[in-house]
Protein backbone atom coordinates (compact mmCIF):
# COMPACT_ATOMS: atom_id res chain seq x y z
CA UNK A 1 -11.57 -24.40 58.29
CA UNK A 2 -15.51 -24.73 58.75
CA UNK A 3 -15.57 -21.74 60.56
CA UNK A 4 -13.54 -19.80 58.36
CA UNK A 5 -15.18 -20.66 55.23
CA UNK A 6 -18.71 -20.53 56.91
CA UNK A 7 -17.63 -16.82 57.75
CA UNK A 8 -18.88 -17.70 61.73
CA UNK A 9 -16.70 -17.30 64.95
CA UNK A 10 -16.91 -20.27 67.31
CA UNK A 11 -20.80 -19.41 68.39
CA UNK A 12 -21.72 -20.18 65.19
CA UNK A 13 -23.24 -16.54 65.22
CA UNK A 14 -22.60 -14.88 61.37
CA UNK A 15 -20.07 -12.13 62.32
CA UNK A 16 -21.55 -8.20 61.64
CA UNK A 17 -20.51 -5.89 58.35
CA UNK A 18 -20.87 -2.09 59.40
CA UNK A 19 -21.71 -0.11 56.73
CA UNK A 20 -20.33 3.13 55.82
CA UNK A 21 -22.81 6.34 54.62
CA UNK A 22 -21.37 9.54 54.34
CA UNK A 23 -24.98 11.92 54.02
CA UNK A 24 -25.39 15.65 52.93
CA UNK A 25 -26.57 18.15 55.48
CA UNK A 26 -30.57 19.11 54.30
CA UNK A 27 -31.35 20.63 57.51
CA UNK A 28 -30.22 24.45 59.26
CA UNK A 29 -29.84 23.71 62.61
CA UNK A 30 -29.37 20.58 65.70
CA UNK A 31 -33.12 19.83 65.93
CA UNK A 32 -33.30 19.57 62.06
CA UNK A 33 -29.73 18.05 60.85
CA UNK A 34 -30.22 15.15 58.67
CA UNK A 35 -28.00 13.14 61.18
CA UNK A 36 -31.45 12.68 63.39
CA UNK A 37 -33.16 10.98 59.94
CA UNK A 38 -30.74 8.92 58.98
CA UNK A 39 -29.89 7.30 62.87
CA UNK A 40 -33.69 6.75 63.68
CA UNK A 41 -33.14 4.97 60.35
CA UNK A 42 -30.40 3.29 60.33
CA UNK A 43 -31.42 2.20 63.75
CA UNK A 44 -34.84 0.51 62.25
CA UNK A 45 -32.95 -1.15 59.51
CA UNK A 46 -30.53 -2.80 62.52
CA UNK A 47 -33.34 -4.29 64.50
CA UNK A 48 -34.29 -5.72 61.55
CA UNK A 49 -30.99 -6.93 59.89
CA UNK A 50 -28.59 -7.62 62.88
CA UNK A 51 -25.89 -8.89 60.68
CA UNK A 52 -25.76 -5.18 59.57
CA UNK A 53 -24.21 -1.65 61.13
CA UNK A 54 -24.95 1.48 59.91
CA UNK A 55 -22.71 4.21 60.55
CA UNK A 56 -24.09 7.23 58.85
CA UNK A 57 -21.07 10.46 58.59
CA UNK A 58 -23.15 13.68 57.64
CA UNK A 59 -21.39 16.42 55.72
CA UNK A 60 -22.20 19.91 54.32
CA UNK A 61 -22.98 20.26 50.90
CA UNK A 62 -20.57 22.96 50.34
CA UNK A 63 -17.52 20.64 51.19
CA UNK A 64 -19.55 16.89 50.79
CA UNK A 65 -18.18 16.24 47.13
CA UNK A 66 -14.71 17.38 47.85
CA UNK A 67 -14.84 14.61 51.16
CA UNK A 68 -15.97 12.08 49.44
CA UNK A 69 -13.50 12.55 46.87
CA UNK A 70 -10.44 12.91 49.11
CA UNK A 71 -11.94 9.22 50.77
CA UNK A 72 -11.62 7.87 47.65
CA UNK A 73 -8.20 9.35 46.90
CA UNK A 74 -6.82 7.68 49.95
CA UNK A 75 -8.58 4.06 49.01
CA UNK A 76 -10.86 4.61 52.19
CA UNK A 77 -14.34 4.92 50.19
CA UNK A 78 -17.67 4.76 52.11
CA UNK A 79 -20.22 2.10 50.67
CA UNK A 80 -22.53 4.32 50.41
CA UNK A 81 -22.15 8.52 49.71
CA UNK A 82 -24.55 11.27 48.99
CA UNK A 83 -23.32 13.74 46.49
CA UNK A 84 -24.36 15.94 43.43
CA UNK A 85 -22.38 14.04 40.80
CA UNK A 86 -21.10 10.50 40.09
CA UNK A 87 -20.16 9.77 36.54
CA UNK A 88 -16.41 10.63 37.35
CA UNK A 89 -16.58 7.84 39.81
CA UNK A 90 -17.95 5.06 37.40
CA UNK A 91 -15.65 5.49 35.08
CA UNK A 92 -13.37 4.80 37.14
CA UNK A 93 -15.07 1.55 37.69
CA UNK A 94 -15.33 2.75 41.91
CA UNK A 95 -18.90 2.28 42.08
CA UNK A 96 -21.63 -0.84 41.54
CA UNK A 97 -24.18 -0.56 39.27
CA UNK A 98 -27.86 0.01 40.16
CA UNK A 99 -28.55 -3.34 39.47
CA UNK A 100 -26.03 -4.80 41.30
CA UNK A 101 -27.36 -3.00 44.67
CA UNK A 102 -30.83 -2.95 43.92
CA UNK A 103 -33.66 -5.08 43.67
CA UNK A 104 -35.56 -5.18 40.15
CA UNK A 105 -38.96 -3.49 42.00
CA UNK A 106 -37.30 -0.91 44.06
CA UNK A 107 -35.22 0.13 40.53
CA UNK A 108 -38.09 -0.52 38.83
CA UNK A 109 -39.81 2.36 41.48
CA UNK A 110 -37.91 5.55 40.21
CA UNK A 111 -39.53 8.17 37.82
CA UNK A 112 -38.04 7.52 34.34
CA UNK A 113 -36.81 10.85 33.75
CA UNK A 114 -33.96 10.16 36.47
CA UNK A 115 -33.02 6.69 35.66
CA UNK A 116 -31.79 8.04 32.48
CA UNK A 117 -30.24 10.87 33.98
CA UNK A 118 -28.14 8.42 36.82
CA UNK A 119 -26.91 6.74 33.20
CA UNK A 120 -23.21 6.40 32.09
CA UNK A 121 -22.81 4.67 28.79
CA UNK A 122 -26.42 4.00 29.19
CA UNK A 123 -25.41 1.99 32.33
CA UNK A 124 -27.13 3.23 35.52
CA UNK A 125 -24.56 3.95 38.17
CA UNK A 126 -26.41 7.46 39.64
CA UNK A 127 -29.09 6.33 42.28
CA UNK A 128 -31.59 9.54 42.41
CA UNK A 129 -32.58 9.79 46.21
CA UNK A 130 -34.25 13.62 46.45
CA UNK A 131 -35.13 15.99 43.35
CA UNK A 132 -36.90 19.92 43.08
CA UNK A 133 -37.91 21.56 40.30
CA UNK A 134 -37.51 25.84 40.69
CA UNK A 135 -40.21 28.56 40.39
CA UNK A 136 -39.89 32.24 40.27
CA UNK A 137 -41.21 33.62 43.75
CA UNK A 138 -42.27 36.76 44.63
CA UNK A 139 -43.17 38.54 47.76
CA UNK A 140 -47.27 39.68 47.98
CA UNK A 141 -46.99 41.82 50.15
CA UNK A 142 -44.33 43.57 48.23
CA UNK A 143 -46.48 43.34 45.16
CA UNK A 144 -49.76 44.58 46.23
CA UNK A 145 -47.84 47.72 47.95
CA UNK A 146 -46.39 48.75 44.23
CA UNK A 147 -49.69 47.68 42.36
CA UNK A 148 -47.62 44.78 40.64
CA UNK A 149 -49.78 41.18 39.39
CA UNK A 150 -46.94 37.98 39.46
CA UNK A 151 -44.96 38.71 36.32
CA UNK A 152 -45.27 36.64 32.93
CA UNK A 153 -42.52 37.62 30.26
CA UNK A 154 -39.12 39.30 30.69
CA UNK A 155 -40.56 42.72 30.43
CA UNK A 156 -42.78 41.96 33.39
CA UNK A 157 -40.13 41.26 35.89
CA UNK A 158 -38.46 44.38 34.25
CA UNK A 159 -41.16 46.59 34.90
CA UNK A 160 -41.13 45.39 38.21
CA UNK A 161 -38.05 45.64 39.88
CA UNK A 162 -38.40 49.07 38.43
CA UNK A 163 -41.54 49.64 40.31
CA UNK A 164 -40.17 47.98 43.00
CA UNK A 165 -36.58 50.09 43.25
CA UNK A 166 -38.75 53.41 43.53
CA UNK A 167 -40.72 52.51 46.22
CA UNK A 168 -37.45 51.40 48.17
CA UNK A 169 -36.75 47.26 48.11
CA UNK A 170 -33.59 46.83 48.77
CA UNK A 171 -32.94 44.14 46.25
CA UNK A 172 -35.97 44.27 43.27
CA UNK A 173 -34.94 40.90 41.91
CA UNK A 174 -32.00 38.76 43.69
CA UNK A 175 -29.38 37.21 41.62
CA UNK A 176 -27.21 34.26 42.70
CA UNK A 177 -24.51 34.40 40.79
CA UNK A 178 -21.69 33.15 43.15
CA UNK A 179 -20.02 30.11 43.83
CA UNK A 180 -22.84 28.25 46.59
CA UNK A 181 -24.80 27.26 43.47
CA UNK A 182 -23.91 29.63 40.27
CA UNK A 183 -24.73 26.39 38.60
CA UNK A 184 -28.01 26.48 38.81
CA UNK A 185 -29.38 30.15 38.78
CA UNK A 186 -27.50 29.99 35.79
CA UNK A 187 -29.60 27.55 34.15
CA UNK A 188 -32.89 28.29 35.16
CA UNK A 189 -31.81 32.05 33.54
CA UNK A 190 -30.88 29.88 30.08
CA UNK A 191 -33.81 28.05 29.73
CA UNK A 192 -36.38 30.80 30.67
CA UNK A 193 -34.50 32.33 27.45
CA UNK A 194 -34.88 29.22 25.37
CA UNK A 195 -31.42 28.10 26.24
CA UNK A 196 -29.45 25.67 27.89
CA UNK A 197 -26.24 24.41 28.45
CA UNK A 198 -26.64 21.44 25.97
CA UNK A 199 -28.13 20.54 22.51
CA UNK A 200 -31.11 18.50 23.56
CA UNK A 201 -30.74 16.69 19.69
CA UNK A 202 -27.19 15.03 20.89
CA UNK A 203 -26.25 16.38 24.36
CA UNK A 204 -22.69 18.28 23.38
CA UNK A 205 -22.50 21.36 25.47
CA UNK A 206 -23.72 24.67 23.72
CA UNK A 207 -23.26 27.21 26.22
CA UNK A 208 -22.27 30.52 24.38
CA UNK A 209 -25.80 30.03 22.17
CA UNK A 210 -27.24 33.07 20.67
CA UNK A 211 -29.86 32.64 22.94
CA UNK A 212 -27.20 32.24 26.04
CA UNK A 213 -25.89 35.09 25.23
CA UNK A 214 -28.77 37.40 24.74
CA UNK A 215 -29.94 36.08 27.92
CA UNK A 216 -27.20 37.37 29.78
CA UNK A 217 -27.18 40.58 28.37
CA UNK A 218 -30.77 41.40 29.31
CA UNK A 219 -29.76 40.67 32.86
CA UNK A 220 -26.97 42.75 32.83
CA UNK A 221 -28.20 45.22 31.87
CA UNK A 222 -30.96 45.02 35.22
CA UNK A 223 -27.10 44.39 37.38
CA UNK A 224 -26.63 47.78 35.64
CA UNK A 225 -29.77 49.51 36.67
CA UNK A 226 -29.53 48.58 40.39
CA UNK A 227 -31.88 46.39 40.09
CA UNK A 228 -30.32 43.26 41.67
CA UNK A 229 -29.27 44.91 44.73
CA UNK A 230 -25.91 46.64 46.68
CA UNK A 231 -24.52 42.83 46.59
CA UNK A 232 -22.53 42.00 43.02
CA UNK A 233 -23.92 39.03 41.15
CA UNK A 234 -20.65 37.06 41.42
CA UNK A 235 -20.49 37.78 45.47
CA UNK A 236 -23.83 36.67 46.44
CA UNK A 237 -24.72 32.84 47.29
CA UNK A 238 -28.17 31.43 47.34
CA UNK A 239 -28.07 31.22 51.12
CA UNK A 240 -27.86 34.51 51.42
CA UNK A 241 -29.72 35.91 49.00
CA UNK A 242 -32.48 33.60 50.92
CA UNK A 243 -32.18 34.77 53.90
CA UNK A 244 -32.91 37.89 52.72
CA UNK A 245 -36.06 37.41 50.88
CA UNK A 246 -37.40 35.44 54.05
CA UNK A 247 -36.34 38.82 55.76
CA UNK A 248 -38.92 40.78 53.94
CA UNK A 249 -35.77 42.64 51.54
CA UNK A 250 -36.27 41.28 47.94
CA UNK A 251 -38.56 41.73 45.64
CA UNK A 252 -38.24 38.22 43.36
CA UNK A 253 -35.82 35.14 43.10
CA UNK A 254 -36.33 31.80 42.17
CA UNK A 255 -36.81 29.20 44.74
CA UNK A 256 -36.94 25.91 45.66
CA UNK A 257 -39.82 24.66 48.16
CA UNK A 258 -37.34 24.75 51.07
CA UNK A 259 -37.43 28.23 50.84
CA UNK A 260 -41.44 28.58 50.59
CA UNK A 261 -41.34 27.15 54.19
CA UNK A 262 -39.14 29.22 55.57
CA UNK A 263 -40.50 32.67 54.22
CA UNK A 264 -43.31 31.77 55.97
CA UNK A 265 -42.37 31.01 59.22
CA UNK A 266 -41.02 34.64 58.90
CA UNK A 267 -44.36 35.66 58.02
CA UNK A 268 -43.77 36.18 54.38
CA UNK A 269 -46.29 35.99 51.87
CA UNK A 270 -45.27 34.63 49.14
CA UNK A 271 -46.30 33.63 45.23
CA UNK A 272 -44.83 31.30 43.56
CA UNK A 273 -44.84 31.39 39.60
CA UNK A 274 -43.18 29.51 36.76
CA UNK A 275 -39.98 31.24 35.39
CA UNK A 276 -41.02 33.48 32.79
CA UNK A 277 -39.51 33.36 29.57
CA UNK A 278 -38.90 36.44 26.98
CA UNK A 279 -42.71 36.63 25.83
CA UNK A 280 -44.26 34.17 27.83
CA UNK A 281 -43.56 30.58 30.39
CA UNK A 282 -40.04 29.36 29.52
CA UNK A 283 -39.75 26.05 27.56
CA UNK A 284 -39.28 24.24 30.66
CA UNK A 285 -38.33 24.23 34.58
CA UNK A 286 -35.00 23.70 36.41
CA UNK A 287 -34.60 20.50 37.61
CA UNK A 288 -32.38 19.06 40.15
CA UNK A 289 -31.56 15.17 41.49
CA UNK A 290 -29.04 14.71 44.36
CA UNK A 291 -27.16 10.77 44.14
CA UNK A 292 -26.57 8.37 45.80
CA UNK A 293 -23.34 6.27 45.01
CA UNK A 294 -22.28 3.02 46.14
CA UNK A 295 -18.52 2.12 45.98
CA UNK A 296 -16.78 -1.01 45.17
CA UNK A 297 -14.12 -1.09 47.19
CA UNK A 298 -15.15 -2.60 50.13
CA UNK A 299 -16.76 -5.72 48.83
CA UNK A 300 -20.36 -5.59 50.46
CA UNK A 301 -22.93 -5.50 47.39
CA UNK A 302 -25.47 -7.86 49.52
CA UNK A 303 -25.38 -5.43 52.42
CA UNK A 304 -25.69 -2.63 50.24
CA UNK A 305 -28.55 -4.28 48.25
CA UNK A 306 -30.42 -5.03 51.34
CA UNK A 307 -30.29 -1.56 52.97
CA UNK A 308 -31.10 0.64 49.75
CA UNK A 309 -34.31 -1.92 49.10
CA UNK A 310 -34.85 -0.12 52.89
CA UNK A 311 -33.71 3.44 51.95
CA UNK A 312 -36.21 3.18 49.02
CA UNK A 313 -39.12 1.93 51.08
CA UNK A 314 -42.35 4.65 50.66
CA UNK A 315 -42.49 5.14 54.12
CA UNK A 316 -39.12 6.47 54.23
CA UNK A 317 -39.31 8.40 51.02
CA UNK A 318 -41.80 10.02 52.13
CA UNK A 319 -40.69 11.00 56.12
CA UNK A 320 -37.13 12.33 54.51
CA UNK A 321 -39.26 14.62 51.79
CA UNK A 322 -41.53 15.80 54.17
CA UNK A 323 -38.59 17.13 56.31
CA UNK A 324 -37.21 18.54 53.90
CA UNK A 325 -39.29 20.10 51.32
CA UNK A 326 -37.64 18.28 48.93
CA UNK A 327 -39.41 15.66 46.22
CA UNK A 328 -40.18 12.37 46.07
CA UNK A 329 -38.26 10.51 43.10
CA UNK A 330 -40.06 7.33 42.78
CA UNK A 331 -43.83 6.38 41.12
CA UNK A 332 -45.36 4.77 44.11
CA UNK A 333 -44.07 8.14 46.80
CA UNK A 334 -44.88 10.32 43.91
CA UNK A 335 -48.52 8.85 43.47
CA UNK A 336 -48.28 8.81 47.96
CA UNK A 337 -47.72 12.56 47.69
CA UNK A 338 -50.13 13.68 44.94
CA UNK A 339 -53.20 12.65 47.04
CA UNK A 340 -52.08 13.34 50.99
CA UNK A 341 -53.43 17.01 51.20
CA UNK A 342 -49.98 17.07 53.19
CA UNK A 343 -47.95 18.17 50.81
CA UNK A 344 -50.12 20.71 48.77
CA UNK A 345 -47.30 23.29 49.32
CA UNK A 346 -45.30 21.13 47.11
CA UNK A 347 -47.42 20.45 43.89
CA UNK A 348 -46.59 22.99 42.06
CA UNK A 349 -42.77 21.29 41.72
CA UNK A 350 -43.62 17.97 41.90
CA UNK A 351 -46.23 18.69 39.01
CA UNK A 352 -43.30 20.10 36.79
CA UNK A 353 -40.85 17.23 37.84
CA UNK A 354 -41.61 15.46 35.06
CA UNK A 355 -41.12 18.05 32.42
CA UNK A 356 -37.79 20.05 33.65
CA UNK A 357 -34.50 20.33 32.27
CA UNK A 358 -31.72 18.78 34.92
CA UNK A 359 -28.08 19.19 34.51
CA UNK A 360 -25.89 16.78 32.61
CA UNK A 361 -25.18 14.22 34.99
CA UNK A 362 -23.58 11.43 32.70
CA UNK A 363 -21.32 13.25 31.64
CA UNK A 364 -17.92 12.58 33.33
CA UNK A 365 -17.28 16.17 32.45
CA UNK A 366 -19.73 17.91 34.34
CA UNK A 367 -17.81 18.35 37.13
CA UNK A 368 -15.10 20.07 35.89
CA UNK A 369 -17.40 22.46 33.49
CA UNK A 370 -19.70 22.82 37.37
CA UNK A 371 -16.33 24.33 38.91
CA UNK A 372 -16.43 26.42 35.27
CA UNK A 373 -19.49 28.32 35.41
CA UNK A 374 -18.68 28.87 38.99
CA UNK A 375 -15.97 30.62 39.05
CA UNK A 376 -16.41 32.63 35.84
CA UNK A 377 -20.04 33.50 34.90
CA UNK A 378 -20.89 36.39 37.67
CA UNK A 379 -18.07 38.53 35.37
CA UNK A 380 -21.01 38.62 32.62
CA UNK A 381 -22.75 40.81 34.19
CA UNK A 382 -20.68 43.40 36.42
CA UNK A 383 -19.67 46.47 34.99
CA UNK A 384 -17.75 45.71 31.76
CA UNK A 385 -18.08 42.28 31.32
CA UNK A 386 -18.99 40.90 28.10
CA UNK A 387 -21.43 37.72 28.36
CA UNK A 388 -20.19 36.72 25.14
CA UNK A 389 -16.63 36.27 25.83
CA UNK A 390 -17.73 35.31 29.46
CA UNK A 391 -20.09 32.54 27.64
CA UNK A 392 -17.06 32.19 25.25
CA UNK A 393 -14.67 30.99 27.39
CA UNK A 394 -16.80 28.24 29.53
CA UNK A 395 -17.66 27.17 26.53
CA UNK A 396 -14.08 26.61 25.71
CA UNK A 397 -13.46 24.74 28.86
CA UNK A 398 -16.52 22.89 28.55
CA UNK A 399 -14.99 21.16 25.28
CA UNK A 400 -11.44 20.67 26.61
CA UNK A 401 -13.30 18.52 29.22
CA UNK A 402 -15.09 16.76 26.69
CA UNK A 403 -12.10 15.87 24.80
CA UNK A 404 -10.14 14.50 27.86
CA UNK A 405 -13.39 12.50 28.69
C-alpha cells in the first residue's frame, strides 16, 4: 500500500514520467532541423530533472495542425504541441490554462500583446513560442540597375514593377496567394490598404470592407498587367516565391527574417522597408506567432510546468530565435537581443512587433475562416474574378463560423 500511494517502486526511486512533445520543423535540411534543437534542450533538461523524460517528434508546418488534430481525435493527445491555432482545443476544455502550467515569472514575461492574443474569453491558453513580423523586401541590384529607389507608396510599387518588367525581370512583384500561406499574404496587403480581417472596436470580422475590396481591385490590376510573374498568384506558394527571390528572379515581395538570411547566402543584396500603403507607410505591419499548447489528457501538469519554465529561459529562447531567424516572445529575451550586435539584422523586425497586427487567434472560428481564405482568395485576382464577390464569399463563411462559435 505504501508503494502504491507514494508512486515509488521497490527501490524507493520515483517513477519517471515521459512528456510527449510534437514540435514544428523550422529548419530547411538535416543540418538545420529543429529536431537537433529539441534533442539538445531535452537532454539538458533531463540532466536537471532525472524523473522527467521528453520525447520530441518534429512535424512539417504543412501538416502539423492536422497531425495534432488527428492525435487528439484518436484520444492520443500529446502533452505539448506547437501549432498555428489553439482556440478550438481551449473551447473543448482540452488544454491547461497558462497559469496551471507556468510559474508566475515565466507567464508574466510574455510580451503583453502576445499574451492577449493567446486568450479565449480572457483566459490564456495559447503560449506564444516564436514570433515574426513582415517587411517589403526588394532586390537592391535590380533596383539600382533600373534607377529605382525603395518604394514608399502603392504608386511607387506599381511604377517600380513596370520598370522592372521592362528590364526583363521575371517576377517584378511576387504575390504568393497559394494555399501554403495565403492568409498571411492577404493580411499584409489588407493592412497596407487600411483594412484588415476584423474591426478593431469589437473584433468582429470585416473581410469584405470597402478598403479590402479596393486593395484587391488594385492587386488584380497588377496581375492583369503581368507584373506578378508567370505563375498565377493562386498557384504560387510562399516557399516557391522565396526561392525565386533568393535566386535573383524577383524584384519585390513580402518577407520575414528567415528569407533575409537565405537570400544573402545566395549573394542577393536585400533592401527591406515597411510595407507601403496607399499614400505612405501602411497603418501597421503584420505580426504572427506560433503557439505552444499543453494538453490535459495525460494529467502531467506538474511535469509540463517544470519543462516550460526551462524552455522559456532566456538562453533557450535566444538559442532558438538565433538559429531560425525568429523573434523572441518574452520581455527579457527581447532586451537581450536589443543589446546584442549579433542580432542587428533582426532589429527592424523586432522593433515593429509591438505595433503589429496579429491574426484573430483567440477566435474559435479562425481556423475555418483561415481555410476559406486559403481556398478562395486567389480567385480575387484571376482573370474574370471579382474581388468584391470573392471577399463577400469569405465574409459569409466567416459569419457562419461565428454563428457556430
